[in-house]
Amino acid sequence: MIRKAFIMSIKQGCELEYEKRHNPIWPELEATLLEHGVRSYSIFLHPDKRYLFAYAEIENEGLWNAIPSTDVCQKWWQWMSEIMETNPDMSPKTVNCEEVFHMRHPQVKG
């Protein structure tokens, strides 16, 4: 399993709306993520800075990198651009994080 982590940010005052838009997430987006090898995906909010820390476990870099070209991802980005800091193509502005430590219990697989 490949672990990915990155940071995004939301616009001031949009914290509750961001959470609302993810609960529940669009079924077609969830299906696309699963079809592209995403096995776990969590997003955490830093309440003071409005940073979003995202963590995903994926099966394959190629499948992960193909997600942005899907219609549902493009539609999601467009919708989320109202409340997030984005690039000109509406993708969220992200900073990739490098893993510097990982601990896994020996009896846990993955």
PDB file of N, CA and C in Angstrom:
ATOM      1  N   MET A   1       0.851  -1.175   0.000  1.00  0.00           N
ATOM      2  CA  MET A   1       0.000   0.000   0.000  1.00  0.00           C
ATOM      3  C   MET A   1       0.898   1.240   0.000  1.00  0.00           C
ATOM      4  N   ILE A   2       0.540   2.203  -0.797  1.00  0.00           N
ATOM      5  CA  ILE A   2       1.268   3.467  -0.900  1.00  0.00           C
ATOM      6  C   ILE A   2       0.506   4.513  -0.082  1.00  0.00           C
ATOM      7  N   ARG A   3       1.220   5.244   0.761  1.00  0.00           N
ATOM      8  CA  ARG A   3       0.603   6.295   1.577  1.00  0.00           C
ATOM      9  C   ARG A   3       0.895   7.662   0.956  1.00  0.00           C
ATOM     10  N   LYS A   4      -0.145   8.474   0.832  1.00  0.00           N
ATOM     11  CA  LYS A   4      -0.031   9.829   0.294  1.00  0.00           C
ATOM     12  C   LYS A   4      -0.536  10.805   1.339  1.00  0.00           C
ATOM     13  N   ALA A   5       0.119  11.938   1.460  1.00  0.00           N
ATOM     14  CA  ALA A   5      -0.346  12.990   2.362  1.00  0.00           C
ATOM     15  C   ALA A   5      -0.113  14.334   1.679  1.00  0.00           C
ATOM     16  N   PHE A   6      -1.072  15.225   1.852  1.00  0.00           N
ATOM     17  CA  PHE A   6      -0.935  16.557   1.266  1.00  0.00           C
ATOM     18  C   PHE A   6      -1.804  17.535   2.036  1.00  0.00           C
ATOM     19  N   ILE A   7      -1.497  18.805   1.854  1.00  0.00           N
ATOM     20  CA  ILE A   7      -2.194  19.879   2.556  1.00  0.00           C
ATOM     21  C   ILE A   7      -2.910  20.755   1.529  1.00  0.00           C
ATOM     22  N   MET A   8      -4.143  21.120   1.859  1.00  0.00           N
ATOM     23  CA  MET A   8      -4.938  22.054   1.063  1.00  0.00           C
ATOM     24  C   MET A   8      -5.437  23.121   2.033  1.00  0.00           C
ATOM     25  N   SER A   9      -6.216  24.068   1.549  1.00  0.00           N
ATOM     26  CA  SER A   9      -6.798  25.047   2.472  1.00  0.00           C
ATOM     27  C   SER A   9      -8.171  25.469   1.975  1.00  0.00           C
ATOM     28  N   ILE A  10      -8.986  25.890   2.939  1.00  0.00           N
ATOM     29  CA  ILE A  10     -10.327  26.361   2.596  1.00  0.00           C
ATOM     30  C   ILE A  10     -10.431  27.847   2.914  1.00  0.00           C
ATOM     31  N   LYS A  11     -11.358  28.473   2.249  1.00  0.00           N
ATOM     32  CA  LYS A  11     -11.567  29.905   2.441  1.00  0.00           C
ATOM     33  C   LYS A  11     -12.194  30.165   3.809  1.00  0.00           C
ATOM     34  N   GLN A  12     -11.882  31.336   4.337  1.00  0.00           N
ATOM     35  CA  GLN A  12     -12.387  31.716   5.660  1.00  0.00           C
ATOM     36  C   GLN A  12     -13.913  31.648   5.695  1.00  0.00           C
ATOM     37  N   GLY A  13     -14.418  31.055   6.757  1.00  0.00           N
ATOM     38  CA  GLY A  13     -15.854  30.947   6.942  1.00  0.00           C
ATOM     39  C   GLY A  13     -16.498  29.765   6.227  1.00  0.00           C
ATOM     40  N   CYS A  14     -15.712  28.960   5.541  1.00  0.00           N
ATOM     41  CA  CYS A  14     -16.265  27.845   4.757  1.00  0.00           C
ATOM     42  C   CYS A  14     -16.042  26.481   5.410  1.00  0.00           C
ATOM     43  N   GLU A  15     -15.597  26.480   6.651  1.00  0.00           N
ATOM     44  CA  GLU A  15     -15.279  25.223   7.318  1.00  0.00           C
ATOM     45  C   GLU A  15     -16.485  24.281   7.407  1.00  0.00           C
ATOM     46  N   LEU A  16     -17.603  24.794   7.857  1.00  0.00           N
ATOM     47  CA  LEU A  16     -18.793  23.952   7.996  1.00  0.00           C
ATOM     48  C   LEU A  16     -19.327  23.503   6.639  1.00  0.00           C
ATOM     49  N   GLU A  17     -19.267  24.375   5.659  1.00  0.00           N
ATOM     50  CA  GLU A  17     -19.726  24.014   4.312  1.00  0.00           C
ATOM     51  C   GLU A  17     -18.840  22.920   3.721  1.00  0.00           C
ATOM     52  N   TYR A  18     -17.541  23.007   3.957  1.00  0.00           N
ATOM     53  CA  TYR A  18     -16.632  21.975   3.464  1.00  0.00           C
ATOM     54  C   TYR A  18     -17.012  20.615   4.051  1.00  0.00           C
ATOM     55  N   GLU A  19     -17.223  20.589   5.350  1.00  0.00           N
ATOM     56  CA  GLU A  19     -17.599  19.335   6.000  1.00  0.00           C
ATOM     57  C   GLU A  19     -18.955  18.840   5.484  1.00  0.00           C
ATOM     58  N   LYS A  20     -19.891  19.743   5.322  1.00  0.00           N
ATOM     59  CA  LYS A  20     -21.222  19.377   4.829  1.00  0.00           C
ATOM     60  C   LYS A  20     -21.141  18.741   3.443  1.00  0.00           C
ATOM     61  N   ARG A  21     -20.301  19.279   2.583  1.00  0.00           N
ATOM     62  CA  ARG A  21     -20.187  18.752   1.213  1.00  0.00           C
ATOM     63  C   ARG A  21     -19.535  17.372   1.164  1.00  0.00           C
ATOM     64  N   HIS A  22     -18.908  16.977   2.228  1.00  0.00           N
ATOM     65  CA  HIS A  22     -18.283  15.648   2.272  1.00  0.00           C
ATOM     66  C   HIS A  22     -19.135  14.612   3.013  1.00  0.00           C
ATOM     67  N   ASN A  23     -20.236  15.028   3.583  1.00  0.00           N
ATOM     68  CA  ASN A  23     -21.053  14.125   4.397  1.00  0.00           C
ATOM     69  C   ASN A  23     -22.500  14.110   3.941  1.00  0.00           C
ATOM     70  N   PRO A  24     -22.881  13.231   3.046  1.00  0.00           N
ATOM     71  CA  PRO A  24     -22.027  12.201   2.450  1.00  0.00           C
ATOM     72  C   PRO A  24     -21.343  12.716   1.185  1.00  0.00           C
ATOM     73  N   ILE A  25     -20.262  12.082   0.839  1.00  0.00           N
ATOM     74  CA  ILE A  25     -19.582  12.387  -0.416  1.00  0.00           C
ATOM     75  C   ILE A  25     -20.428  11.832  -1.562  1.00  0.00           C
ATOM     76  N   TRP A  26     -20.314  12.406  -2.727  1.00  0.00           N
ATOM     77  CA  TRP A  26     -21.078  11.918  -3.872  1.00  0.00           C
ATOM     78  C   TRP A  26     -20.773  10.434  -4.099  1.00  0.00           C
ATOM     79  N   PRO A  27     -21.781   9.606  -4.248  1.00  0.00           N
ATOM     80  CA  PRO A  27     -21.545   8.177  -4.487  1.00  0.00           C
ATOM     81  C   PRO A  27     -20.691   7.920  -5.732  1.00  0.00           C
ATOM     82  N   GLU A  28     -20.891   8.708  -6.787  1.00  0.00           N
ATOM     83  CA  GLU A  28     -20.103   8.499  -8.007  1.00  0.00           C
ATOM     84  C   GLU A  28     -18.635   8.885  -7.810  1.00  0.00           C
ATOM     85  N   LEU A  29     -18.358   9.839  -6.926  1.00  0.00           N
ATOM     86  CA  LEU A  29     -16.965  10.179  -6.629  1.00  0.00           C
ATOM     87  C   LEU A  29     -16.333   9.077  -5.785  1.00  0.00           C
ATOM     88  N   GLU A  30     -17.065   8.592  -4.799  1.00  0.00           N
ATOM     89  CA  GLU A  30     -16.553   7.493  -3.987  1.00  0.00           C
ATOM     90  C   GLU A  30     -16.262   6.272  -4.861  1.00  0.00           C
ATOM     91  N   ALA A  31     -17.155   5.957  -5.782  1.00  0.00           N
ATOM     92  CA  ALA A  31     -16.944   4.817  -6.673  1.00  0.00           C
ATOM     93  C   ALA A  31     -15.699   5.017  -7.537  1.00  0.00           C
ATOM     94  N   THR A  32     -15.504   6.225  -8.027  1.00  0.00           N
ATOM     95  CA  THR A  32     -14.322   6.522  -8.844  1.00  0.00           C
ATOM     96  C   THR A  32     -13.047   6.355  -8.033  1.00  0.00           C
ATOM     97  N   LEU A  33     -13.046   6.844  -6.806  1.00  0.00           N
ATOM     98  CA  LEU A  33     -11.864   6.683  -5.949  1.00  0.00           C
ATOM     99  C   LEU A  33     -11.564   5.207  -5.724  1.00  0.00           C
ATOM    100  N   LEU A  34     -12.578   4.429  -5.419  1.00  0.00           N
ATOM    101  CA  LEU A  34     -12.373   2.991  -5.201  1.00  0.00           C
ATOM    102  C   LEU A  34     -11.884   2.301  -6.470  1.00  0.00           C
ATOM    103  N   GLU A  35     -12.474   2.651  -7.620  1.00  0.00           N
ATOM    104  CA  GLU A  35     -12.059   2.067  -8.905  1.00  0.00           C
ATOM    105  C   GLU A  35     -10.610   2.424  -9.246  1.00  0.00           C
ATOM    106  N   HIS A  36     -10.129   3.520  -8.696  1.00  0.00           N
ATOM    107  CA  HIS A  36      -8.758   3.960  -8.957  1.00  0.00           C
ATOM    108  C   HIS A  36      -7.802   3.566  -7.828  1.00  0.00           C
ATOM    109  N   GLY A  37      -8.179   2.582  -7.045  1.00  0.00           N
ATOM    110  CA  GLY A  37      -7.270   1.998  -6.073  1.00  0.00           C
ATOM    111  C   GLY A  37      -7.114   2.733  -4.765  1.00  0.00           C
ATOM    112  N   VAL A  38      -8.004   3.672  -4.462  1.00  0.00           N
ATOM    113  CA  VAL A  38      -7.948   4.365  -3.173  1.00  0.00           C
ATOM    114  C   VAL A  38      -8.625   3.457  -2.150  1.00  0.00           C
ATOM    115  N   ARG A  39      -7.880   3.064  -1.137  1.00  0.00           N
ATOM    116  CA  ARG A  39      -8.408   2.139  -0.139  1.00  0.00           C
ATOM    117  C   ARG A  39      -8.767   2.818   1.170  1.00  0.00           C
ATOM    118  N   SER A  40      -8.217   3.977   1.407  1.00  0.00           N
ATOM    119  CA  SER A  40      -8.527   4.753   2.600  1.00  0.00           C
ATOM    120  C   SER A  40      -8.233   6.213   2.275  1.00  0.00           C
ATOM    121  N   TYR A  41      -9.107   7.102   2.747  1.00  0.00           N
ATOM    122  CA  TYR A  41      -8.906   8.525   2.461  1.00  0.00           C
ATOM    123  C   TYR A  41      -9.509   9.296   3.630  1.00  0.00           C
ATOM    124  N   SER A  42      -8.690  10.076   4.300  1.00  0.00           N
ATOM    125  CA  SER A  42      -9.137  10.909   5.416  1.00  0.00           C
ATOM    126  C   SER A  42      -8.679  12.338   5.190  1.00  0.00           C
ATOM    127  N   ILE A  43      -9.493  13.284   5.649  1.00  0.00           N
ATOM    128  CA  ILE A  43      -9.127  14.695   5.593  1.00  0.00           C
ATOM    129  C   ILE A  43      -9.387  15.283   6.975  1.00  0.00           C
ATOM    130  N   PHE A  44      -8.386  15.990   7.494  1.00  0.00           N
ATOM    131  CA  PHE A  44      -8.462  16.606   8.816  1.00  0.00           C
ATOM    132  C   PHE A  44      -8.352  18.116   8.665  1.00  0.00           C
ATOM    133  N   LEU A  45      -9.088  18.849   9.490  1.00  0.00           N
ATOM    134  CA  LEU A  45      -9.076  20.314   9.451  1.00  0.00           C
ATOM    135  C   LEU A  45      -8.287  20.874  10.626  1.00  0.00           C
ATOM    136  N   HIS A  46      -7.354  21.770  10.339  1.00  0.00           N
ATOM    137  CA  HIS A  46      -6.703  22.568  11.378  1.00  0.00           C
ATOM    138  C   HIS A  46      -7.589  23.802  11.552  1.00  0.00           C
ATOM    139  N   PRO A  47      -8.314  23.919  12.649  1.00  0.00           N
ATOM    140  CA  PRO A  47      -9.356  24.944  12.764  1.00  0.00           C
ATOM    141  C   PRO A  47      -8.853  26.387  12.753  1.00  0.00           C
ATOM    142  N   ASP A  48      -7.660  26.633  13.256  1.00  0.00           N
ATOM    143  CA  ASP A  48      -7.174  28.015  13.302  1.00  0.00           C
ATOM    144  C   ASP A  48      -6.607  28.475  11.960  1.00  0.00           C
ATOM    145  N   LYS A  49      -5.919  27.605  11.272  1.00  0.00           N
ATOM    146  CA  LYS A  49      -5.246  27.969  10.010  1.00  0.00           C
ATOM    147  C   LYS A  49      -6.089  27.661   8.777  1.00  0.00           C
ATOM    148  N   ARG A  50      -7.165  26.858   8.948  1.00  0.00           N
ATOM    149  CA  ARG A  50      -8.012  26.418   7.838  1.00  0.00           C
ATOM    150  C   ARG A  50      -7.246  25.520   6.864  1.00  0.00           C
ATOM    151  N   TYR A  51      -6.220  24.850   7.377  1.00  0.00           N
ATOM    152  CA  TYR A  51      -5.498  23.869   6.567  1.00  0.00           C
ATOM    153  C   TYR A  51      -6.259  22.559   6.595  1.00  0.00           C
ATOM    154  N   LEU A  52      -6.264  21.887   5.466  1.00  0.00           N
ATOM    155  CA  LEU A  52      -6.822  20.551   5.366  1.00  0.00           C
ATOM    156  C   LEU A  52      -5.663  19.587   5.156  1.00  0.00           C
ATOM    157  N   PHE A  53      -5.508  18.648   6.057  1.00  0.00           N
ATOM    158  CA  PHE A  53      -4.475  17.628   5.922  1.00  0.00           C
ATOM    159  C   PHE A  53      -5.146  16.375   5.387  1.00  0.00           C
ATOM    160  N   ALA A  54      -4.750  15.947   4.204  1.00  0.00           N
ATOM    161  CA  ALA A  54      -5.352  14.773   3.570  1.00  0.00           C
ATOM    162  C   ALA A  54      -4.374  13.612   3.612  1.00  0.00           C
ATOM    163  N   TYR A  55      -4.907  12.443   3.903  1.00  0.00           N
ATOM    164  CA  TYR A  55      -4.116  11.221   3.954  1.00  0.00           C
ATOM    165  C   TYR A  55      -4.871  10.138   3.182  1.00  0.00           C
ATOM    166  N   ALA A  56      -4.187   9.516   2.243  1.00  0.00           N
ATOM    167  CA  ALA A  56      -4.811   8.455   1.451  1.00  0.00           C
ATOM    168  C   ALA A  56      -3.878   7.261   1.365  1.00  0.00           C
ATOM    169  N   GLU A  57      -4.478   6.097   1.320  1.00  0.00           N
ATOM    170  CA  GLU A  57      -3.750   4.865   1.051  1.00  0.00           C
ATOM    171  C   GLU A  57      -4.216   4.376  -0.308  1.00  0.00           C
ATOM    172  N   ILE A  58      -3.265   4.201  -1.205  1.00  0.00           N
ATOM    173  CA  ILE A  58      -3.589   3.851  -2.589  1.00  0.00           C
ATOM    174  C   ILE A  58      -2.841   2.592  -3.002  1.00  0.00           C
ATOM    175  N   GLU A  59      -3.334   1.978  -4.064  1.00  0.00           N
ATOM    176  CA  GLU A  59      -2.707   0.767  -4.576  1.00  0.00           C
ATOM    177  C   GLU A  59      -1.654   1.052  -5.630  1.00  0.00           C
ATOM    178  N   ASN A  60      -1.844   2.140  -6.392  1.00  0.00           N
ATOM    179  CA  ASN A  60      -1.037   2.334  -7.592  1.00  0.00           C
ATOM    180  C   ASN A  60      -0.954   3.820  -7.933  1.00  0.00           C
ATOM    181  N   GLU A  61       0.251   4.313  -8.155  1.00  0.00           N
ATOM    182  CA  GLU A  61       0.446   5.736  -8.497  1.00  0.00           C
ATOM    183  C   GLU A  61      -0.231   6.104  -9.812  1.00  0.00           C
ATOM    184  N   GLY A  62      -0.168   5.224 -10.800  1.00  0.00           N
ATOM    185  CA  GLY A  62      -0.778   5.507 -12.097  1.00  0.00           C
ATOM    186  C   GLY A  62      -2.280   5.692 -11.993  1.00  0.00           C
ATOM    187  N   LEU A  63      -2.933   4.802 -11.241  1.00  0.00           N
ATOM    188  CA  LEU A  63      -4.378   4.937 -11.044  1.00  0.00           C
ATOM    189  C   LEU A  63      -4.707   6.216 -10.285  1.00  0.00           C
ATOM    190  N   TRP A  64      -3.937   6.506  -9.234  1.00  0.00           N
ATOM    191  CA  TRP A  64      -4.130   7.733  -8.452  1.00  0.00           C
ATOM    192  C   TRP A  64      -4.004   8.968  -9.341  1.00  0.00           C
ATOM    193  N   ASN A  65      -2.987   8.982 -10.189  1.00  0.00           N
ATOM    194  CA  ASN A  65      -2.738  10.132 -11.055  1.00  0.00           C
ATOM    195  C   ASN A  65      -3.786  10.290 -12.150  1.00  0.00           C
ATOM    196  N   ALA A  66      -4.570   9.242 -12.407  1.00  0.00           N
ATOM    197  CA  ALA A  66      -5.619   9.313 -13.423  1.00  0.00           C
ATOM    198  C   ALA A  66      -6.918   9.913 -12.888  1.00  0.00           C
ATOM    199  N   ILE A  67      -7.072   9.987 -11.588  1.00  0.00           N
ATOM    200  CA  ILE A  67      -8.327  10.491 -10.998  1.00  0.00           C
ATOM    201  C   ILE A  67      -8.672  11.896 -11.480  1.00  0.00           C
ATOM    202  N   PRO A  68      -7.714  12.843 -11.525  1.00  0.00           N
ATOM    203  CA  PRO A  68      -8.072  14.206 -11.947  1.00  0.00           C
ATOM    204  C   PRO A  68      -8.672  14.303 -13.339  1.00  0.00           C
ATOM    205  N   SER A  69      -8.419  13.357 -14.213  1.00  0.00           N
ATOM    206  CA  SER A  69      -8.959  13.428 -15.571  1.00  0.00           C
ATOM    207  C   SER A  69     -10.367  12.865 -15.684  1.00  0.00           C
ATOM    208  N   THR A  70     -10.914  12.328 -14.596  1.00  0.00           N
ATOM    209  CA  THR A  70     -12.279  11.796 -14.653  1.00  0.00           C
ATOM    210  C   THR A  70     -13.295  12.925 -14.628  1.00  0.00           C
ATOM    211  N   ASP A  71     -14.421  12.691 -15.261  1.00  0.00           N
ATOM    212  CA  ASP A  71     -15.482  13.707 -15.304  1.00  0.00           C
ATOM    213  C   ASP A  71     -15.971  14.076 -13.912  1.00  0.00           C
ATOM    214  N   VAL A  72     -16.139  13.070 -13.047  1.00  0.00           N
ATOM    215  CA  VAL A  72     -16.670  13.351 -11.713  1.00  0.00           C
ATOM    216  C   VAL A  72     -15.679  14.176 -10.895  1.00  0.00           C
ATOM    217  N   CYS A  73     -14.395  13.936 -11.051  1.00  0.00           N
ATOM    218  CA  CYS A  73     -13.402  14.732 -10.326  1.00  0.00           C
ATOM    219  C   CYS A  73     -13.426  16.180 -10.819  1.00  0.00           C
ATOM    220  N   GLN A  74     -13.512  16.366 -12.110  1.00  0.00           N
ATOM    221  CA  GLN A  74     -13.583  17.717 -12.663  1.00  0.00           C
ATOM    222  C   GLN A  74     -14.833  18.457 -12.150  1.00  0.00           C
ATOM    223  N   LYS A  75     -15.940  17.750 -12.102  1.00  0.00           N
ATOM    224  CA  LYS A  75     -17.195  18.329 -11.594  1.00  0.00           C
ATOM    225  C   LYS A  75     -17.057  18.679 -10.102  1.00  0.00           C
ATOM    226  N   TRP A  76     -16.431  17.783  -9.332  1.00  0.00           N
ATOM    227  CA  TRP A  76     -16.207  18.008  -7.901  1.00  0.00           C
ATOM    228  C   TRP A  76     -15.326  19.233  -7.690  1.00  0.00           C
ATOM    229  N   TRP A  77     -14.227  19.306  -8.421  1.00  0.00           N
ATOM    230  CA  TRP A  77     -13.332  20.450  -8.287  1.00  0.00           C
ATOM    231  C   TRP A  77     -14.067  21.759  -8.570  1.00  0.00           C
ATOM    232  N   GLN A  78     -14.866  21.768  -9.612  1.00  0.00           N
ATOM    233  CA  GLN A  78     -15.615  22.977  -9.963  1.00  0.00           C
ATOM    234  C   GLN A  78     -16.510  23.399  -8.798  1.00  0.00           C
ATOM    235  N   TRP A  79     -17.218  22.433  -8.224  1.00  0.00           N
ATOM    236  CA  TRP A  79     -18.135  22.709  -7.113  1.00  0.00           C
ATOM    237  C   TRP A  79     -17.382  23.168  -5.873  1.00  0.00           C
ATOM    238  N   MET A  80     -16.256  22.540  -5.568  1.00  0.00           N
ATOM    239  CA  MET A  80     -15.488  22.864  -4.375  1.00  0.00           C
ATOM    240  C   MET A  80     -14.689  24.157  -4.522  1.00  0.00           C
ATOM    241  N   SER A  81     -14.480  24.620  -5.743  1.00  0.00           N
ATOM    242  CA  SER A  81     -13.683  25.839  -5.955  1.00  0.00           C
ATOM    243  C   SER A  81     -14.309  27.061  -5.294  1.00  0.00           C
ATOM    244  N   GLU A  82     -15.597  27.001  -5.024  1.00  0.00           N
ATOM    245  CA  GLU A  82     -16.272  28.114  -4.342  1.00  0.00           C
ATOM    246  C   GLU A  82     -15.760  28.304  -2.917  1.00  0.00           C
ATOM    247  N   ILE A  83     -15.265  27.230  -2.312  1.00  0.00           N
ATOM    248  CA  ILE A  83     -14.919  27.291  -0.886  1.00  0.00           C
ATOM    249  C   ILE A  83     -13.469  26.929  -0.589  1.00  0.00           C
ATOM    250  N   MET A  84     -12.687  26.590  -1.634  1.00  0.00           N
ATOM    251  CA  MET A  84     -11.294  26.198  -1.435  1.00  0.00           C
ATOM    252  C   MET A  84     -10.352  27.098  -2.210  1.00  0.00           C
ATOM    253  N   GLU A  85      -9.108  27.112  -1.780  1.00  0.00           N
ATOM    254  CA  GLU A  85      -8.053  27.773  -2.545  1.00  0.00           C
ATOM    255  C   GLU A  85      -7.703  26.849  -3.713  1.00  0.00           C
ATOM    256  N   THR A  86      -7.801  27.380  -4.953  1.00  0.00           N
ATOM    257  CA  THR A  86      -7.618  26.530  -6.129  1.00  0.00           C
ATOM    258  C   THR A  86      -6.622  27.111  -7.125  1.00  0.00           C
ATOM    259  N   ASN A  87      -6.183  26.241  -8.016  1.00  0.00           N
ATOM    260  CA  ASN A  87      -5.358  26.608  -9.161  1.00  0.00           C
ATOM    261  C   ASN A  87      -6.278  27.074 -10.292  1.00  0.00           C
ATOM    262  N   PRO A  88      -5.715  27.649 -11.371  1.00  0.00           N
ATOM    263  CA  PRO A  88      -6.557  28.095 -12.485  1.00  0.00           C
ATOM    264  C   PRO A  88      -7.430  26.994 -13.099  1.00  0.00           C
ATOM    265  N   ASP A  89      -6.991  25.729 -13.024  1.00  0.00           N
ATOM    266  CA  ASP A  89      -7.793  24.628 -13.577  1.00  0.00           C
ATOM    267  C   ASP A  89      -8.836  24.104 -12.588  1.00  0.00           C
ATOM    268  N   MET A  90      -9.028  24.802 -11.478  1.00  0.00           N
ATOM    269  CA  MET A  90      -9.974  24.481 -10.413  1.00  0.00           C
ATOM    270  C   MET A  90      -9.504  23.354  -9.495  1.00  0.00           C
ATOM    271  N   SER A  91      -8.351  22.780  -9.746  1.00  0.00           N
ATOM    272  CA  SER A  91      -7.822  21.776  -8.824  1.00  0.00           C
ATOM    273  C   SER A  91      -7.440  22.471  -7.522  1.00  0.00           C
ATOM    274  N   PRO A  92      -7.582  21.775  -6.405  1.00  0.00           N
ATOM    275  CA  PRO A  92      -7.195  22.391  -5.134  1.00  0.00           C
ATOM    276  C   PRO A  92      -5.691  22.679  -5.111  1.00  0.00           C
ATOM    277  N   LYS A  93      -5.324  23.818  -4.561  1.00  0.00           N
ATOM    278  CA  LYS A  93      -3.904  24.078  -4.337  1.00  0.00           C
ATOM    279  C   LYS A  93      -3.441  23.098  -3.275  1.00  0.00           C
ATOM    280  N   THR A  94      -2.408  22.344  -3.580  1.00  0.00           N
ATOM    281  CA  THR A  94      -1.924  21.332  -2.650  1.00  0.00           C
ATOM    282  C   THR A  94      -0.420  21.450  -2.452  1.00  0.00           C
ATOM    283  N   VAL A  95       0.011  21.038  -1.291  1.00  0.00           N
ATOM    284  CA  VAL A  95       1.426  20.875  -0.985  1.00  0.00           C
ATOM    285  C   VAL A  95       1.583  19.419  -0.559  1.00  0.00           C
ATOM    286  N   ASN A  96       2.357  18.673  -1.307  1.00  0.00           N
ATOM    287  CA  ASN A  96       2.592  17.281  -0.946  1.00  0.00           C
ATOM    288  C   ASN A  96       3.491  17.212   0.276  1.00  0.00           C
ATOM    289  N   CYS A  97       3.218  16.253   1.136  1.00  0.00           N
ATOM    290  CA  CYS A  97       4.007  16.043   2.344  1.00  0.00           C
ATOM    291  C   CYS A  97       4.877  14.800   2.160  1.00  0.00           C
ATOM    292  N   GLU A  98       6.084  14.872   2.661  1.00  0.00           N
ATOM    293  CA  GLU A  98       6.983  13.721   2.617  1.00  0.00           C
ATOM    294  C   GLU A  98       6.859  12.944   3.914  1.00  0.00           C
ATOM    295  N   GLU A  99       6.787  11.648   3.789  1.00  0.00           N
ATOM    296  CA  GLU A  99       6.722  10.812   4.980  1.00  0.00           C
ATOM    297  C   GLU A  99       8.100  10.761   5.638  1.00  0.00           C
ATOM    298  N   VAL A 100       8.141  11.056   6.915  1.00  0.00           N
ATOM    299  CA  VAL A 100       9.394  11.011   7.666  1.00  0.00           C
ATOM    300  C   VAL A 100       9.359   9.966   8.770  1.00  0.00           C
ATOM    301  N   PHE A 101       8.159   9.428   9.043  1.00  0.00           N
ATOM    302  CA  PHE A 101       8.041   8.380  10.055  1.00  0.00           C
ATOM    303  C   PHE A 101       6.746   7.620   9.809  1.00  0.00           C
ATOM    304  N   HIS A 102       6.809   6.314  10.008  1.00  0.00           N
ATOM    305  CA  HIS A 102       5.613   5.470   9.923  1.00  0.00           C
ATOM    306  C   HIS A 102       5.792   4.294  10.860  1.00  0.00           C
ATOM    307  N   MET A 103       4.779   4.035  11.655  1.00  0.00           N
ATOM    308  CA  MET A 103       4.805   2.874  12.536  1.00  0.00           C
ATOM    309  C   MET A 103       3.574   2.038  12.251  1.00  0.00           C
ATOM    310  N   ARG A 104       3.767   0.763  12.141  1.00  0.00           N
ATOM    311  CA  ARG A 104       2.649  -0.141  11.922  1.00  0.00           C
ATOM    312  C   ARG A 104       2.811  -1.319  12.864  1.00  0.00           C
ATOM    313  N   HIS A 105       1.736  -1.661  13.508  1.00  0.00           N
ATOM    314  CA  HIS A 105       1.752  -2.830  14.390  1.00  0.00           C
ATOM    315  C   HIS A 105       2.062  -4.044  13.526  1.00  0.00           C
ATOM    316  N   PRO A 106       2.952  -4.929  13.968  1.00  0.00           N
ATOM    317  CA  PRO A 106       3.356  -6.071  13.140  1.00  0.00           C
ATOM    318  C   PRO A 106       2.207  -6.986  12.725  1.00  0.00           C
ATOM    319  N   GLN A 107       1.107  -6.991  13.446  1.00  0.00           N
ATOM    320  CA  GLN A 107      -0.004  -7.870  13.107  1.00  0.00           C
ATOM    321  C   GLN A 107      -0.996  -7.208  12.153  1.00  0.00           C
ATOM    322  N   VAL A 108      -0.783  -5.946  11.840  1.00  0.00           N
ATOM    323  CA  VAL A 108      -1.682  -5.225  10.928  1.00  0.00           C
ATOM    324  C   VAL A 108      -1.102  -5.320   9.526  1.00  0.00           C
ATOM    325  N   LYS A 109      -1.906  -5.764   8.582  1.00  0.00           N
ATOM    326  CA  LYS A 109      -1.448  -5.877   7.184  1.00  0.00           C
ATOM    327  C   LYS A 109      -1.745  -4.586   6.440  1.00  0.00           C
ATOM    328  N   GLY A 110      -0.883  -4.284   5.467  1.00  0.00           N
ATOM    329  CA  GLY A 110      -1.114  -3.091   4.630  1.00  0.00           C
ATOM    330  C   GLY A 110      -0.072  -2.146   4.851  1.00  0.00           C
TER     331      GLY A 110
END
